[in-house]
Amino acid sequence: MPRDNVSKGLLVGFLTGAIVGAAVALLYAPKSGKELRQDIKNKADDLMTDAEKHLEVAKEKAINTMNEGKKKAEQMVVDAKQKVEKLMKDADQMIANAKSKISHPAEEKQNQSDNA
């Protein structure tokens, strides 16, 4: 998330600098009021177009980041399920081995007493 904050800060800084720079350039230029208003309108339109482009890029990056996160989360779930299944199989095998060890001595004792 810190990267998003840096990107947002850069965008705000860029737009602020562009607006201030455009305003200073227009105000110090020797033009008539009509020309000045037209220049201001043109610069405002340019800035809006730039802002829309930057917003679209930021939106695409956000969507890509969310999709990547979703894919990683889904893979983590799959991996976790596989590990749980393996652990369950291992536990079942250990239980079966323990039962086998417990039942064999009892069977051997019974066989020994039957033989005696």
Protein backbone atom coordinates (compact mmCIF):
# COMPACT_ATOMS: atom_id res chain seq x y z
CA MET A 1 0.00 0.00 0.00
CA PRO A 2 2.86 2.51 0.55
CA ARG A 3 3.51 2.36 -3.18
CA ASP A 4 -0.06 3.52 -3.85
CA ASN A 5 0.44 6.48 -1.51
CA VAL A 6 3.63 7.45 -3.34
CA SER A 7 1.86 7.22 -6.71
CA LYS A 8 -1.04 9.28 -5.42
CA GLY A 9 1.37 11.88 -3.99
CA LEU A 10 3.27 12.10 -7.26
CA LEU A 11 0.04 12.56 -9.21
CA VAL A 12 -1.19 15.30 -6.89
CA GLY A 13 2.21 17.01 -7.00
CA PHE A 14 2.34 16.79 -10.78
CA LEU A 15 -1.13 18.24 -11.22
CA THR A 16 -0.54 21.01 -8.69
CA GLY A 17 2.74 21.97 -10.34
CA ALA A 18 1.15 21.95 -13.77
CA ILE A 19 -1.72 24.17 -12.63
CA VAL A 20 0.54 26.67 -10.86
CA GLY A 21 3.00 26.73 -13.74
CA ALA A 22 0.26 27.23 -16.30
CA ALA A 23 -1.38 29.99 -14.26
CA VAL A 24 1.91 31.87 -13.80
CA ALA A 25 2.80 31.53 -17.48
CA LEU A 26 -0.61 32.77 -18.58
CA LEU A 27 -0.76 35.67 -16.16
CA TYR A 28 2.67 37.01 -17.15
CA ALA A 29 2.11 36.62 -20.88
CA PRO A 30 1.18 39.88 -22.67
CA LYS A 31 -2.20 38.88 -24.12
CA SER A 32 -5.65 40.34 -24.30
CA GLY A 33 -8.35 39.18 -21.89
CA LYS A 34 -10.09 37.13 -24.56
CA GLU A 35 -6.86 35.37 -25.55
CA LEU A 36 -5.97 34.83 -21.91
CA ARG A 37 -9.34 33.26 -21.15
CA GLN A 38 -9.02 30.99 -24.19
CA ASP A 39 -5.51 29.95 -23.12
CA ILE A 40 -6.75 29.24 -19.60
CA LYS A 41 -9.59 27.14 -21.02
CA ASN A 42 -7.19 25.24 -23.28
CA LYS A 43 -4.76 24.59 -20.42
CA ALA A 44 -7.61 23.45 -18.18
CA ASP A 45 -8.77 21.06 -20.89
CA ASP A 46 -5.22 19.74 -21.31
CA LEU A 47 -4.88 19.25 -17.57
CA MET A 48 -8.20 17.42 -17.39
CA THR A 49 -7.12 15.14 -20.23
CA ASP A 50 -3.81 14.44 -18.47
CA ALA A 51 -5.59 13.81 -15.17
CA GLU A 52 -8.00 11.39 -16.85
CA LYS A 53 -5.09 9.52 -18.43
CA HIS A 54 -3.28 9.25 -15.10
CA LEU A 55 -6.48 8.14 -13.40
CA GLU A 56 -7.02 5.44 -16.01
CA VAL A 57 -3.44 4.19 -15.59
CA ALA A 58 -3.85 4.15 -11.81
CA LYS A 59 -7.14 2.28 -12.13
CA GLU A 60 -5.54 -0.34 -14.40
CA LYS A 61 -2.65 -0.79 -11.96
CA ALA A 62 -5.09 -1.20 -9.08
CA ILE A 63 -7.10 -3.80 -11.00
CA ASN A 64 -3.93 -5.70 -11.94
CA THR A 65 -2.71 -5.63 -8.35
CA MET A 66 -6.06 -6.91 -7.09
CA ASN A 67 -6.09 -9.70 -9.68
CA GLU A 68 -2.55 -10.73 -8.78
CA GLY A 69 -3.46 -10.75 -5.11
CA LYS A 70 -6.55 -12.82 -5.81
CA LYS A 71 -4.53 -15.37 -7.80
CA LYS A 72 -1.92 -15.62 -5.05
CA ALA A 73 -4.62 -16.06 -2.41
CA GLU A 74 -6.33 -18.78 -4.45
CA GLN A 75 -3.00 -20.58 -4.89
CA MET A 76 -2.34 -20.33 -1.17
CA VAL A 77 -5.73 -21.93 -0.48
CA VAL A 78 -4.97 -24.77 -2.90
CA ASP A 79 -1.54 -25.31 -1.32
CA ALA A 80 -3.04 -25.26 2.18
CA LYS A 81 -5.70 -27.82 1.21
CA GLN A 82 -3.03 -30.10 -0.25
CA LYS A 83 -0.92 -29.84 2.90
CA VAL A 84 -3.93 -30.56 5.10
CA GLU A 85 -4.81 -33.62 3.00
CA LYS A 86 -1.24 -34.89 3.27
CA LEU A 87 -1.21 -34.31 7.02
CA MET A 88 -4.53 -36.15 7.35
CA LYS A 89 -3.19 -39.10 5.35
CA ASP A 90 -0.03 -39.14 7.46
CA ALA A 91 -2.09 -38.99 10.65
CA ASP A 92 -4.35 -41.82 9.45
CA GLN A 93 -1.28 -43.90 8.61
CA MET A 94 0.24 -43.22 12.03
CA ILE A 95 -3.03 -44.20 13.74
CA ALA A 96 -3.24 -47.38 11.65
CA ASN A 97 0.36 -48.25 12.53
CA ALA A 98 -0.29 -47.62 16.22
CA LYS A 99 -3.42 -49.79 16.15
CA SER A 100 -1.48 -52.51 14.37
CA LYS A 101 1.26 -52.45 16.98
CA ILE A 102 -1.28 -52.54 19.78
CA SER A 103 -3.31 -55.41 18.30
CA HIS A 104 -0.32 -57.63 17.32
CA PRO A 105 1.04 -58.11 20.84
CA ALA A 106 -2.43 -59.09 22.03
CA GLU A 107 -2.77 -61.60 19.19
CA GLU A 108 0.69 -63.00 19.90
CA LYS A 109 -0.15 -63.48 23.59
CA GLN A 110 -3.38 -65.19 22.63
CA ASN A 111 -1.54 -67.47 20.19
CA GLN A 112 1.03 -68.32 22.88
CA SER A 113 -1.65 -69.19 25.43
CA ASP A 114 -3.51 -71.27 22.81
CA ASN A 115 -0.32 -73.21 22.10
CA ALA A 116 0.36 -73.87 25.79
